N, C-alpha and C. Protein backbone atom coordinates (compact mmCIF):
# COMPACT_ATOMS: atom_id res chain seq x y z
N MET A 1 0.83 -1.23 0.11
CA MET A 1 0.17 -0.37 -0.02
C MET A 1 1.13 1.39 0.18
N LEU A 2 1.87 1.06 0.99
CA LEU A 2 2.87 2.21 0.90
C LEU A 2 3.74 2.61 -1.03
N PHE A 3 3.92 1.40 -1.06
CA PHE A 3 4.12 1.59 -2.78
C PHE A 3 3.47 2.32 -3.80
N SER A 4 2.39 1.70 -3.60
CA SER A 4 1.13 2.31 -4.54
C SER A 4 1.24 4.03 -4.47
N LYS A 5 1.20 4.07 -2.81
CA LYS A 5 0.72 5.78 -2.60
C LYS A 5 2.10 6.23 -3.11
N TYR A 6 3.61 5.67 -2.97
CA TYR A 6 5.37 6.20 -3.37
C TYR A 6 4.35 6.68 -4.90
N LYS A 7 4.44 5.47 -5.11
CA LYS A 7 4.53 5.25 -6.90
C LYS A 7 3.19 6.22 -8.12
N SER A 8 2.02 6.74 -6.88
CA SER A 8 1.36 7.62 -7.06
C SER A 8 1.21 9.01 -6.76
N ASN A 9 2.02 8.68 -6.24
CA ASN A 9 3.18 10.36 -5.79
C ASN A 9 3.70 11.40 -6.86
N LEU A 10 4.70 9.63 -7.27
CA LEU A 10 6.10 9.85 -7.93
C LEU A 10 5.18 10.18 -9.28
N ASP A 11 4.06 9.33 -9.80
CA ASP A 11 3.77 9.39 -11.23
C ASP A 11 3.29 10.78 -11.14
N LYS A 12 2.52 11.21 -10.13
CA LYS A 12 1.96 12.40 -10.57
C LYS A 12 2.85 13.68 -10.30
N HIS A 13 4.48 13.55 -9.99
CA HIS A 13 5.32 14.51 -9.49
C HIS A 13 5.73 14.43 -11.24
N ILE A 14 5.99 13.47 -11.57
CA ILE A 14 6.51 13.17 -12.62
C ILE A 14 5.64 14.22 -13.78
N TYR A 15 4.80 13.92 -13.84
CA TYR A 15 3.56 14.55 -15.30
C TYR A 15 3.59 16.02 -14.47
N GLU A 16 3.66 16.88 -13.67
CA GLU A 16 3.63 17.36 -12.76
C GLU A 16 5.25 18.73 -13.91
N ASN A 17 6.71 17.55 -14.15
CA ASN A 17 7.38 18.04 -14.51
C ASN A 17 7.15 17.95 -15.40
N LYS A 18 6.38 16.69 -16.20
CA LYS A 18 7.12 17.28 -18.09
C LYS A 18 5.88 18.52 -18.44
N THR A 19 4.71 18.64 -17.62
CA THR A 19 4.14 19.86 -17.55
C THR A 19 4.37 21.17 -17.44
N PHE A 20 5.17 21.10 -16.82
CA PHE A 20 5.98 22.27 -16.32
C PHE A 20 7.04 22.56 -17.54
N LYS A 21 7.93 21.46 -18.40
CA LYS A 21 8.80 21.62 -19.08
C LYS A 21 8.27 21.93 -20.24
N ILE A 22 6.68 21.61 -20.99
CA ILE A 22 6.29 22.12 -21.98
C ILE A 22 5.75 23.40 -21.57
N ILE A 23 5.05 23.59 -21.07
CA ILE A 23 4.56 24.90 -20.89
C ILE A 23 5.62 25.59 -20.33
N THR A 24 7.13 25.73 -20.12
CA THR A 24 8.48 26.58 -20.09
C THR A 24 9.00 26.31 -21.79
N ILE A 25 8.65 25.55 -22.44
CA ILE A 25 9.64 25.07 -24.13
C ILE A 25 8.34 26.71 -24.43
N VAL A 26 7.17 26.23 -24.52
CA VAL A 26 6.30 26.56 -25.62
C VAL A 26 6.20 28.35 -25.12
N LEU A 27 6.37 28.82 -23.73
CA LEU A 27 6.18 30.04 -23.23
C LEU A 27 7.59 30.60 -23.83
N SER A 28 8.97 30.23 -23.93
CA SER A 28 10.15 30.32 -24.51
C SER A 28 10.48 30.68 -25.60
N ALA A 29 9.82 29.90 -26.46
CA ALA A 29 8.92 29.77 -27.80
C ALA A 29 8.21 31.29 -28.84
N VAL A 30 6.92 31.19 -27.63
CA VAL A 30 6.54 32.27 -28.04
C VAL A 30 7.48 33.57 -27.35
N ILE A 31 8.84 33.77 -26.49
CA ILE A 31 9.35 35.01 -25.77
C ILE A 31 9.95 34.74 -27.38
N VAL A 32 10.44 34.27 -28.20
CA VAL A 32 11.53 34.16 -28.80
C VAL A 32 10.88 34.84 -30.80
N PHE A 33 10.05 34.10 -30.87
CA PHE A 33 8.45 34.67 -31.80
C PHE A 33 8.49 36.36 -31.49
N GLN A 34 7.90 37.11 -30.25
CA GLN A 34 8.26 38.19 -30.14
C GLN A 34 9.37 39.19 -30.43
N THR A 35 9.93 39.01 -29.98
CA THR A 35 11.57 39.16 -30.30
C THR A 35 11.75 39.62 -31.41
N PHE A 36 11.09 38.18 -32.26
CA PHE A 36 11.84 38.69 -33.66
C PHE A 36 11.65 39.26 -34.53
N ILE A 37 9.66 38.89 -33.47
CA ILE A 37 8.88 40.43 -34.85
C ILE A 37 9.22 41.65 -34.34
N ILE A 38 9.22 41.75 -33.13
CA ILE A 38 9.54 43.41 -32.36
C ILE A 38 11.21 43.77 -32.86
N ILE A 39 11.56 43.05 -33.42
CA ILE A 39 13.45 43.22 -33.50
C ILE A 39 13.09 43.37 -35.72
N ASN A 40 12.37 42.52 -36.30
CA ASN A 40 11.99 43.01 -36.99
C ASN A 40 10.75 44.56 -37.51
N LYS A 41 10.19 44.80 -36.93
CA LYS A 41 9.20 45.72 -36.89
C LYS A 41 10.58 46.34 -36.68
N ALA A 42 10.93 46.93 -35.67
CA ALA A 42 11.76 48.01 -35.35
C ALA A 42 12.79 48.57 -36.62
N SER A 43 13.62 47.55 -37.11
CA SER A 43 14.66 47.79 -38.25
C SER A 43 13.97 47.71 -40.24
N SER A 44 12.65 47.72 -39.78
CA SER A 44 11.31 48.25 -40.13
C SER A 44 11.18 49.62 -40.87
N GLU A 45 11.33 50.07 -39.91
CA GLU A 45 10.56 50.89 -39.56
C GLU A 45 10.74 52.32 -38.59
N ARG A 46 10.85 53.56 -38.76
CA ARG A 46 11.01 54.67 -37.94
C ARG A 46 10.40 55.35 -38.21
N VAL A 47 10.44 55.94 -36.31
CA VAL A 47 9.65 57.46 -36.11
C VAL A 47 10.88 58.57 -36.47
N VAL A 48 10.53 59.40 -37.14
CA VAL A 48 11.70 60.60 -37.52
C VAL A 48 10.80 61.30 -37.38
N PHE A 49 11.79 63.02 -36.54
CA PHE A 49 10.55 63.66 -36.09
C PHE A 49 11.62 64.89 -36.94
N LEU A 50 10.98 65.67 -37.69
CA LEU A 50 10.90 66.55 -38.74
C LEU A 50 10.80 67.98 -37.44
N PRO A 51 11.50 69.18 -37.86
CA PRO A 51 12.39 69.90 -37.04
C PRO A 51 11.18 70.79 -36.36
N PRO A 52 11.03 71.49 -36.21
CA PRO A 52 9.83 72.12 -35.95
C PRO A 52 9.17 73.06 -36.79
N LYS A 53 8.27 72.26 -36.66
CA LYS A 53 6.91 73.05 -38.05
C LYS A 53 5.37 72.61 -37.63
N ALA A 54 4.78 72.86 -38.21
CA ALA A 54 2.90 72.97 -38.32
C ALA A 54 2.94 71.85 -39.21
N ILE A 55 3.02 70.18 -38.71
CA ILE A 55 2.49 69.29 -40.23
C ILE A 55 1.41 68.87 -39.96
N SER A 56 0.71 69.48 -41.31
CA SER A 56 -0.01 69.42 -42.05
C SER A 56 -0.82 68.35 -42.78
N LYS A 57 -0.13 67.44 -43.12
CA LYS A 57 0.20 65.79 -44.02
C LYS A 57 0.04 64.85 -43.30
N GLU A 58 -0.59 62.95 -43.50
CA GLU A 58 -0.15 61.65 -43.30
C GLU A 58 0.88 61.83 -43.84
N PHE A 59 2.31 61.37 -42.83
CA PHE A 59 2.92 60.98 -44.19
C PHE A 59 3.88 59.40 -43.07
N SER A 60 4.72 58.72 -44.12
CA SER A 60 5.40 57.16 -43.49
C SER A 60 6.32 57.16 -44.09
N ILE A 61 7.77 56.38 -42.70
CA ILE A 61 8.96 56.15 -43.55
C ILE A 61 8.56 55.23 -43.46
N THR A 62 9.24 53.91 -44.52
CA THR A 62 9.95 52.77 -43.82
C THR A 62 11.10 51.83 -44.60
N ASN A 63 12.22 51.38 -44.19
CA ASN A 63 13.58 51.61 -44.19
C ASN A 63 13.58 53.10 -44.65
N ASN A 64 14.66 52.64 -45.91
CA ASN A 64 14.73 54.09 -47.04
C ASN A 64 13.75 54.63 -47.59
N GLU A 65 12.88 53.93 -47.99
CA GLU A 65 11.37 54.61 -48.39
C GLU A 65 10.58 55.65 -48.17
N LEU A 66 10.45 56.95 -48.43
CA LEU A 66 10.12 57.53 -47.66
C LEU A 66 9.08 58.42 -48.33
N SER A 67 7.63 58.58 -48.07
CA SER A 67 6.09 58.89 -49.11
C SER A 67 6.86 60.05 -49.62
N LYS A 68 5.48 60.36 -50.99
CA LYS A 68 5.51 61.82 -50.70
C LYS A 68 5.53 63.02 -50.30
N THR A 69 3.93 62.60 -49.17
CA THR A 69 3.91 63.59 -47.98
C THR A 69 5.39 64.19 -47.10
N TYR A 70 5.96 62.72 -46.88
CA TYR A 70 6.80 63.37 -45.93
C TYR A 70 7.89 64.24 -46.81
N LEU A 71 8.48 64.24 -48.35
CA LEU A 71 8.93 64.51 -48.85
C LEU A 71 8.74 65.92 -49.41
N GLU A 72 7.76 66.54 -49.64
CA GLU A 72 6.78 67.52 -49.53
C GLU A 72 6.79 68.21 -48.25
N GLU A 73 6.26 67.88 -46.68
CA GLU A 73 6.83 67.76 -45.84
C GLU A 73 7.93 68.91 -45.20
N VAL A 74 9.17 68.28 -45.66
CA VAL A 74 10.68 68.43 -45.70
C VAL A 74 10.82 69.52 -46.22
N ALA A 75 10.65 69.31 -47.84
CA ALA A 75 10.87 70.56 -49.37
C ALA A 75 10.39 71.66 -48.66
N SER A 76 9.64 71.53 -47.82
CA SER A 76 8.61 72.53 -47.71
C SER A 76 9.19 74.06 -46.79
N PHE A 77 10.12 73.46 -45.10
CA PHE A 77 10.17 73.39 -44.47
C PHE A 77 11.77 74.19 -44.80
N ILE A 78 12.19 73.30 -45.49
CA ILE A 78 13.53 73.31 -46.15
C ILE A 78 13.07 75.14 -46.70
N THR A 79 12.38 75.37 -48.32
CA THR A 79 11.90 75.71 -47.85
C THR A 79 11.21 77.93 -47.68
N TYR A 80 10.78 77.35 -46.94
CA TYR A 80 10.44 78.68 -46.00
C TYR A 80 11.64 78.77 -45.16
N ASN A 81 12.56 77.76 -44.95
CA ASN A 81 13.63 78.85 -44.49
C ASN A 81 14.97 79.16 -45.41
N MET A 82 15.12 78.82 -46.92
CA MET A 82 15.37 79.51 -47.81
C MET A 82 15.50 80.62 -47.91
N PHE A 83 13.74 80.95 -48.03
CA PHE A 83 13.61 81.90 -49.16
C PHE A 83 12.72 83.24 -47.37
N ASN A 84 12.05 82.70 -46.40
CA ASN A 84 11.48 83.41 -45.46
C ASN A 84 12.45 83.30 -44.73
N SER A 85 12.49 85.04 -45.59
CA SER A 85 14.18 85.93 -44.21
C SER A 85 13.81 87.17 -43.95
N THR A 86 14.70 87.29 -42.76
CA THR A 86 14.65 88.53 -42.64
C THR A 86 16.40 88.98 -42.01
N THR A 87 16.57 89.76 -41.93
CA THR A 87 18.35 89.64 -40.85
C THR A 87 18.07 89.59 -40.13
N GLU A 88 17.42 89.41 -39.13
CA GLU A 88 17.26 89.32 -37.70
C GLU A 88 17.16 87.80 -37.74
N LEU A 89 16.01 86.73 -38.42
CA LEU A 89 16.32 85.24 -38.47
C LEU A 89 16.87 83.85 -39.41
N ALA A 90 18.30 85.33 -40.78
CA ALA A 90 19.22 84.53 -40.93
C ALA A 90 19.92 83.69 -40.69
N GLN A 91 20.07 83.47 -39.57
CA GLN A 91 21.51 82.41 -38.66
C GLN A 91 20.60 81.68 -38.51
N ASN A 92 19.34 81.49 -37.14
CA ASN A 92 18.57 80.28 -37.34
C ASN A 92 17.86 79.89 -38.30
N ASN A 93 17.81 80.17 -39.23
CA ASN A 93 17.27 79.58 -40.77
C ASN A 93 18.20 78.97 -40.88
N ALA A 94 19.59 79.97 -41.35
CA ALA A 94 20.74 78.68 -41.75
C ALA A 94 20.99 77.27 -40.90
N LEU A 95 20.96 77.65 -39.33
CA LEU A 95 20.55 76.31 -38.97
C LEU A 95 20.31 75.80 -39.09
N ASN A 96 18.51 75.75 -39.22
CA ASN A 96 17.42 74.96 -39.47
C ASN A 96 17.67 74.14 -40.59
N ILE A 97 18.04 74.18 -41.38
CA ILE A 97 19.06 73.86 -43.19
C ILE A 97 19.89 73.45 -42.89
N LEU A 98 21.27 73.62 -41.88
CA LEU A 98 22.07 72.68 -41.41
C LEU A 98 22.22 71.40 -40.82
N MET A 99 20.93 71.54 -40.31
CA MET A 99 20.83 70.88 -39.22
C MET A 99 20.39 69.21 -40.27
N LEU A 100 19.68 69.29 -41.52
CA LEU A 100 19.23 68.28 -41.82
C LEU A 100 20.54 68.09 -43.05
N THR A 101 21.60 68.71 -43.19
CA THR A 101 22.89 68.38 -44.34
C THR A 101 23.60 67.14 -44.28
N GLU A 102 23.72 66.95 -45.15
CA GLU A 102 24.92 65.93 -45.11
C GLU A 102 26.34 66.10 -44.87
N PRO A 103 26.91 65.40 -44.36
CA PRO A 103 28.37 66.07 -43.67
C PRO A 103 29.21 66.52 -45.04
N THR A 104 29.16 65.13 -46.03
CA THR A 104 30.32 66.27 -47.00
C THR A 104 29.53 67.28 -48.15
N ALA A 105 28.68 67.87 -47.50
CA ALA A 105 27.79 69.32 -48.55
C ALA A 105 27.68 69.70 -47.61
N TYR A 106 28.22 69.96 -46.10
CA TYR A 106 27.73 71.44 -45.27
C TYR A 106 28.83 72.51 -45.31
N TYR A 107 30.04 72.47 -45.64
CA TYR A 107 30.31 73.49 -45.73
C TYR A 107 29.85 74.21 -46.87
N GLY A 108 29.98 73.63 -47.80
CA GLY A 108 30.10 74.29 -49.18
C GLY A 108 28.13 74.94 -48.96
N THR A 109 27.09 74.37 -48.32
CA THR A 109 25.42 75.02 -47.81
C THR A 109 26.81 76.04 -46.78
N LYS A 110 26.84 76.05 -45.36
CA LYS A 110 27.07 76.50 -45.25
C LYS A 110 27.67 77.99 -45.52
N LYS A 111 28.49 77.97 -46.86
CA LYS A 111 29.07 79.09 -47.39
C LYS A 111 27.73 79.75 -47.99
N MET A 112 27.26 78.75 -48.77
CA MET A 112 26.47 79.25 -50.07
C MET A 112 25.11 79.85 -49.38
N LEU A 113 24.64 79.86 -48.11
CA LEU A 113 23.71 80.53 -47.20
C LEU A 113 24.84 81.54 -46.41
N GLU A 114 25.74 81.69 -45.66
CA GLU A 114 26.21 82.44 -45.40
C GLU A 114 25.98 83.85 -46.54
N ASN A 115 26.61 83.23 -47.98
CA ASN A 115 26.99 84.82 -48.52
C ASN A 115 25.02 85.37 -49.59
N GLN A 116 24.29 84.04 -48.89
CA GLN A 116 23.18 85.14 -49.28
C GLN A 116 22.31 85.58 -48.62
N TYR A 117 22.76 85.79 -47.34
CA TYR A 117 22.29 86.09 -45.80
C TYR A 117 22.89 87.50 -45.83
N GLU A 118 24.29 87.72 -45.78
CA GLU A 118 24.84 89.25 -45.98
C GLU A 118 25.01 89.65 -46.54
N TYR A 119 23.82 89.40 -48.13
CA TYR A 119 23.48 89.82 -49.02
C TYR A 119 22.43 90.48 -49.05
N LEU A 120 21.31 90.07 -47.75
CA LEU A 120 20.38 90.44 -47.30
C LEU A 120 20.00 91.89 -46.56
N LYS A 121 21.43 90.69 -45.85
CA LYS A 121 22.10 92.21 -44.56
C LYS A 121 22.28 94.07 -45.17
N ARG A 122 23.15 93.28 -46.26
CA ARG A 122 23.96 94.08 -46.87
C ARG A 122 23.27 95.57 -47.27
N ASN A 123 21.73 95.11 -48.22
CA ASN A 123 20.96 95.75 -48.55
C ASN A 123 19.59 95.71 -47.87
N ASN A 124 19.12 95.62 -46.57
CA ASN A 124 18.45 95.37 -45.48
C ASN A 124 16.84 94.98 -46.72
N ILE A 125 17.28 93.46 -47.01
CA ILE A 125 16.55 92.70 -47.73
C ILE A 125 15.66 92.38 -46.93
N SER A 126 14.03 91.93 -47.06
CA SER A 126 13.76 91.78 -46.32
C SER A 126 13.45 89.69 -47.24
N ARG A 127 12.69 88.82 -47.49
CA ARG A 127 11.79 88.00 -48.39
C ARG A 127 11.09 87.15 -47.96
N THR A 128 10.06 86.93 -48.66
CA THR A 128 8.89 85.58 -48.42
C THR A 128 8.85 85.15 -49.81
N PHE A 129 8.46 83.99 -49.90
CA PHE A 129 8.67 83.15 -51.32
C PHE A 129 6.99 82.56 -51.11
N PHE A 130 6.36 82.38 -51.77
CA PHE A 130 4.60 81.48 -51.69
C PHE A 130 5.18 80.61 -53.29
N ILE A 131 4.86 79.14 -51.90
CA ILE A 131 5.11 77.86 -53.35
C ILE A 131 3.85 77.52 -54.55
N ASN A 132 4.27 77.53 -55.61
CA ASN A 132 3.27 76.76 -56.28
C ASN A 132 2.86 75.23 -56.40
N SER A 133 3.92 74.78 -56.12
CA SER A 133 3.86 73.17 -56.75
C SER A 133 5.11 72.94 -56.40
N ILE A 134 5.20 71.60 -56.06
CA ILE A 134 6.84 70.64 -55.37
C ILE A 134 6.28 68.97 -55.67
N ASP A 135 7.33 69.19 -56.64
CA ASP A 135 7.69 68.15 -57.98
C ASP A 135 8.60 67.28 -56.73
N THR A 136 8.68 65.95 -56.22
CA THR A 136 9.19 64.73 -55.73
C THR A 136 10.02 64.30 -56.59
N LYS A 137 10.71 63.75 -57.16
CA LYS A 137 12.02 62.11 -57.42
C LYS A 137 12.30 62.10 -56.69
N LYS A 138 13.09 60.81 -56.82
CA LYS A 138 13.95 59.83 -56.32
C LYS A 138 15.00 60.48 -55.45
N THR A 139 15.80 61.29 -56.06
CA THR A 139 16.96 61.84 -55.50
C THR A 139 16.73 63.63 -55.22
N ARG A 140 15.67 64.13 -56.55
CA ARG A 140 15.59 65.35 -56.39
C ARG A 140 13.95 66.00 -55.70
N ILE A 141 14.08 67.16 -54.92
CA ILE A 141 12.79 67.94 -55.37
C ILE A 141 12.73 69.42 -55.92
N VAL A 142 11.97 69.19 -56.30
CA VAL A 142 11.89 70.63 -56.54
C VAL A 142 10.43 71.15 -56.95
N VAL A 143 11.00 72.92 -55.82
CA VAL A 143 10.08 73.22 -55.63
C VAL A 143 10.06 75.09 -56.20
N SER A 144 8.68 75.51 -56.36
CA SER A 144 8.08 76.18 -58.12
C SER A 144 8.16 76.97 -57.33
N GLY A 145 7.96 78.40 -57.56
CA GLY A 145 7.10 79.76 -56.17
C GLY A 145 7.34 81.07 -57.01
N ILE A 146 6.83 81.83 -56.38
CA ILE A 146 6.99 83.28 -55.74
C ILE A 146 7.74 83.93 -55.24
N LEU A 147 8.91 84.40 -55.29
CA LEU A 147 9.75 84.55 -54.41
C LEU A 147 9.98 86.91 -55.09
N LYS A 148 9.43 87.06 -53.35
CA LYS A 148 9.34 88.56 -53.00
C LYS A 148 10.19 89.24 -52.10
N SER A 149 11.32 90.15 -53.13
CA SER A 149 12.18 90.70 -51.71
C SER A 149 11.40 92.41 -51.62
N PHE A 150 11.61 92.27 -50.22
CA PHE A 150 11.74 94.14 -50.01
C PHE A 150 11.75 94.12 -49.43
N ILE A 151 12.44 96.17 -49.77
CA ILE A 151 12.60 96.80 -49.00
C ILE A 151 12.23 97.79 -47.54
N GLY A 152 12.46 97.70 -47.06
CA GLY A 152 11.24 98.59 -46.20
C GLY A 152 10.17 97.35 -45.98
N SER A 153 8.87 98.45 -46.62
CA SER A 153 7.92 97.85 -47.14
C SER A 153 7.34 97.74 -48.36
N LYS A 154 8.09 98.10 -49.28
CA LYS A 154 7.83 98.13 -50.54
C LYS A 154 8.32 96.44 -50.92
N VAL A 155 8.00 96.58 -52.27
CA VAL A 155 8.37 95.30 -52.59
C VAL A 155 9.24 96.18 -53.68
N ALA A 156 10.77 95.05 -53.64
CA ALA A 156 11.57 95.53 -54.35
C ALA A 156 11.85 94.70 -55.95
N ASN A 157 11.65 93.30 -55.55
CA ASN A 157 11.03 92.28 -56.54
C ASN A 157 10.76 91.39 -56.35
N SER A 158 9.84 90.73 -58.10
CA SER A 158 8.71 89.73 -57.73
C SER A 158 9.48 88.98 -58.80
N GLU A 159 9.78 88.04 -58.84
CA GLU A 159 9.63 87.04 -59.47
C GLU A 159 9.64 85.10 -59.48
N LEU A 160 9.42 84.37 -60.58
CA LEU A 160 10.07 83.01 -60.01
C LEU A 160 10.26 82.41 -60.09
N THR A 161 10.58 80.98 -58.92
CA THR A 161 11.85 81.07 -58.35
C THR A 161 12.20 78.65 -58.43
N LYS A 162 12.86 78.85 -58.76
CA LYS A 162 12.79 77.32 -58.08
C LYS A 162 14.24 76.90 -57.28
N LEU A 163 13.55 76.06 -56.58
CA LEU A 163 15.02 75.64 -55.81
C LEU A 163 15.34 73.67 -55.64
N GLU A 164 16.43 73.95 -56.39
CA GLU A 164 16.51 72.87 -56.20
C GLU A 164 16.51 71.71 -55.16
N ILE A 165 16.29 70.00 -54.52
CA ILE A 165 16.41 70.16 -52.97
C ILE A 165 17.14 68.76 -54.02
N ASP A 166 18.39 68.57 -53.70
CA ASP A 166 19.01 67.26 -53.40
C ASP A 166 19.27 66.34 -52.33
N TYR A 167 18.72 65.52 -52.43
CA TYR A 167 19.46 64.23 -51.40
C TYR A 167 19.42 63.01 -51.58
N SER A 168 19.65 62.73 -49.59
CA SER A 168 19.62 60.98 -49.83
C SER A 168 19.24 60.63 -48.94
N VAL A 169 19.17 59.38 -48.63
CA VAL A 169 18.17 58.90 -47.55
C VAL A 169 19.38 57.90 -46.95
N GLU A 170 19.74 57.61 -45.32
CA GLU A 170 20.64 57.22 -45.13
C GLU A 170 19.34 56.28 -43.36
N ASN A 171 19.28 54.85 -43.43
CA ASN A 171 18.80 54.60 -42.58
C ASN A 171 17.83 54.77 -41.95
N GLY A 172 16.85 55.55 -43.25
CA GLY A 172 15.20 56.33 -42.50
C GLY A 172 15.95 58.09 -42.56
N ARG A 173 16.60 58.50 -42.32
CA ARG A 173 17.26 59.86 -42.46
C ARG A 173 17.50 60.65 -43.88
N PHE A 174 16.89 61.43 -43.97
CA PHE A 174 16.82 62.24 -44.98
C PHE A 174 17.97 63.54 -44.84
N TYR A 175 18.40 63.27 -45.57
CA TYR A 175 19.88 63.94 -45.71
C TYR A 175 20.21 65.41 -47.37
N ILE A 176 20.20 66.36 -47.31
CA ILE A 176 20.54 67.62 -47.80
C ILE A 176 21.47 67.07 -48.71
N THR A 177 22.39 66.80 -49.79
CA THR A 177 23.45 66.87 -50.18
C THR A 177 23.14 67.60 -51.36
N ASN A 178 22.04 69.19 -51.68
CA ASN A 178 22.64 69.96 -52.84
C ASN A 178 21.61 71.04 -52.62
N LEU A 179 21.55 72.22 -52.94
CA LEU A 179 21.21 72.99 -53.31
C LEU A 179 21.27 74.07 -53.69
N ASN A 180 20.22 74.48 -54.87
CA ASN A 180 20.62 75.12 -56.37
C ASN A 180 19.25 76.12 -56.41
N ALA A 181 19.15 77.48 -55.89
CA ALA A 181 17.99 78.06 -55.91
C ALA A 181 18.50 78.54 -57.92
N ILE A 182 16.60 78.79 -58.84
CA ILE A 182 17.69 79.42 -59.51
C ILE A 182 15.95 80.11 -60.05
N THR A 183 16.75 81.50 -60.35
CA THR A 183 15.43 82.73 -60.52
C THR A 183 14.74 82.77 -62.11
N GLU A 184 14.32 83.38 -62.21
CA GLU A 184 12.99 83.22 -63.11
C GLU A 184 14.34 83.57 -64.34
N LYS A 185 15.03 85.43 -64.08
CA LYS A 185 16.63 85.74 -64.88
C LYS A 185 17.18 84.68 -65.36
N GLN A 186 17.29 83.65 -64.94
CA GLN A 186 18.40 82.49 -64.60
C GLN A 186 18.30 81.46 -65.68
N LEU A 187 16.89 81.16 -65.23
CA LEU A 187 16.16 80.37 -66.82
C LEU A 187 16.00 80.88 -67.58
N LYS A 188 15.74 81.32 -67.73
CA LYS A 188 15.65 82.63 -69.43
C LYS A 188 16.87 82.62 -69.65
N GLU A 189 18.04 82.63 -69.26
CA GLU A 189 19.41 82.36 -69.71
C GLU A 189 19.99 81.25 -70.50
N ILE A 190 19.20 80.35 -69.04
CA ILE A 190 19.59 78.53 -69.01
C ILE A 190 19.12 78.01 -70.85
N GLU A 191 18.03 78.84 -70.49
CA GLU A 191 16.64 78.02 -71.87
C GLU A 191 18.04 79.03 -73.49
N GLU A 192 18.17 80.33 -72.60
CA GLU A 192 19.01 80.92 -73.98
C GLU A 192 19.79 80.41 -74.53
N GLU A 193 20.76 79.90 -73.49
CA GLU A 193 21.75 78.68 -74.11
C GLU A 193 21.75 78.30 -75.01
N ASN A 194 20.05 76.94 -73.97
CA ASN A 194 20.39 75.58 -74.42
C ASN A 194 20.19 75.90 -76.00
N LYS A 195 19.07 76.56 -76.17
CA LYS A 195 18.66 77.49 -78.02
C LYS A 195 20.58 77.52 -78.53
N LYS A 196 20.83 78.11 -78.13
CA LYS A 196 22.21 78.29 -79.45
C LYS A 196 23.29 77.48 -79.46
N GLU A 197 22.84 77.00 -78.22
CA GLU A 197 23.82 74.69 -78.88
C GLU A 197 23.22 74.25 -80.04
N LEU A 198 22.37 74.20 -79.55
CA LEU A 198 20.36 73.54 -80.50
C LEU A 198 21.21 74.47 -81.76
N LYS A 199 21.67 75.42 -81.73
CA LYS A 199 21.62 76.15 -83.51
C LYS A 199 23.28 75.28 -84.15
């Protein structure tokens, strides 16, 4: 009788031990699977915060693929800081652009912005830009609009201007590789040169 009681308790403990091992293995497998999913999601999706600005559209970023709305938002931010400027805001605007600039293009972009803002300061000019269109491509965004320059409260100049933003994407982060502003006058000169070359 004692033996049967002992065997019964032993069987019970063996059964509990096997059940515990099975549950442990299943839970470990679930944890490994969930860890794999979390790592996979973390590497395929990134949350990127734009510099301070009101976000007006929904956007998404997956790996190195940026949605069109993201590119439009960041292009709008760059254009605002490039063209909507006064002598008081010039330095802050330059910093906003430079923090998005690729390291290899940093000093060239900084020099270009310094020259531009030095010209505004020397001539006491303030400017504002009205966006007409934003054309997004694989490595370039072209923003077109009207650039107005003011001396005091009077409009000194108003002309069609394009801003070409060359960019690259690394680990889900947007980098400016080059900025090129082309005015209406320059566009006409380029068109005339192209016509001459065709002749």
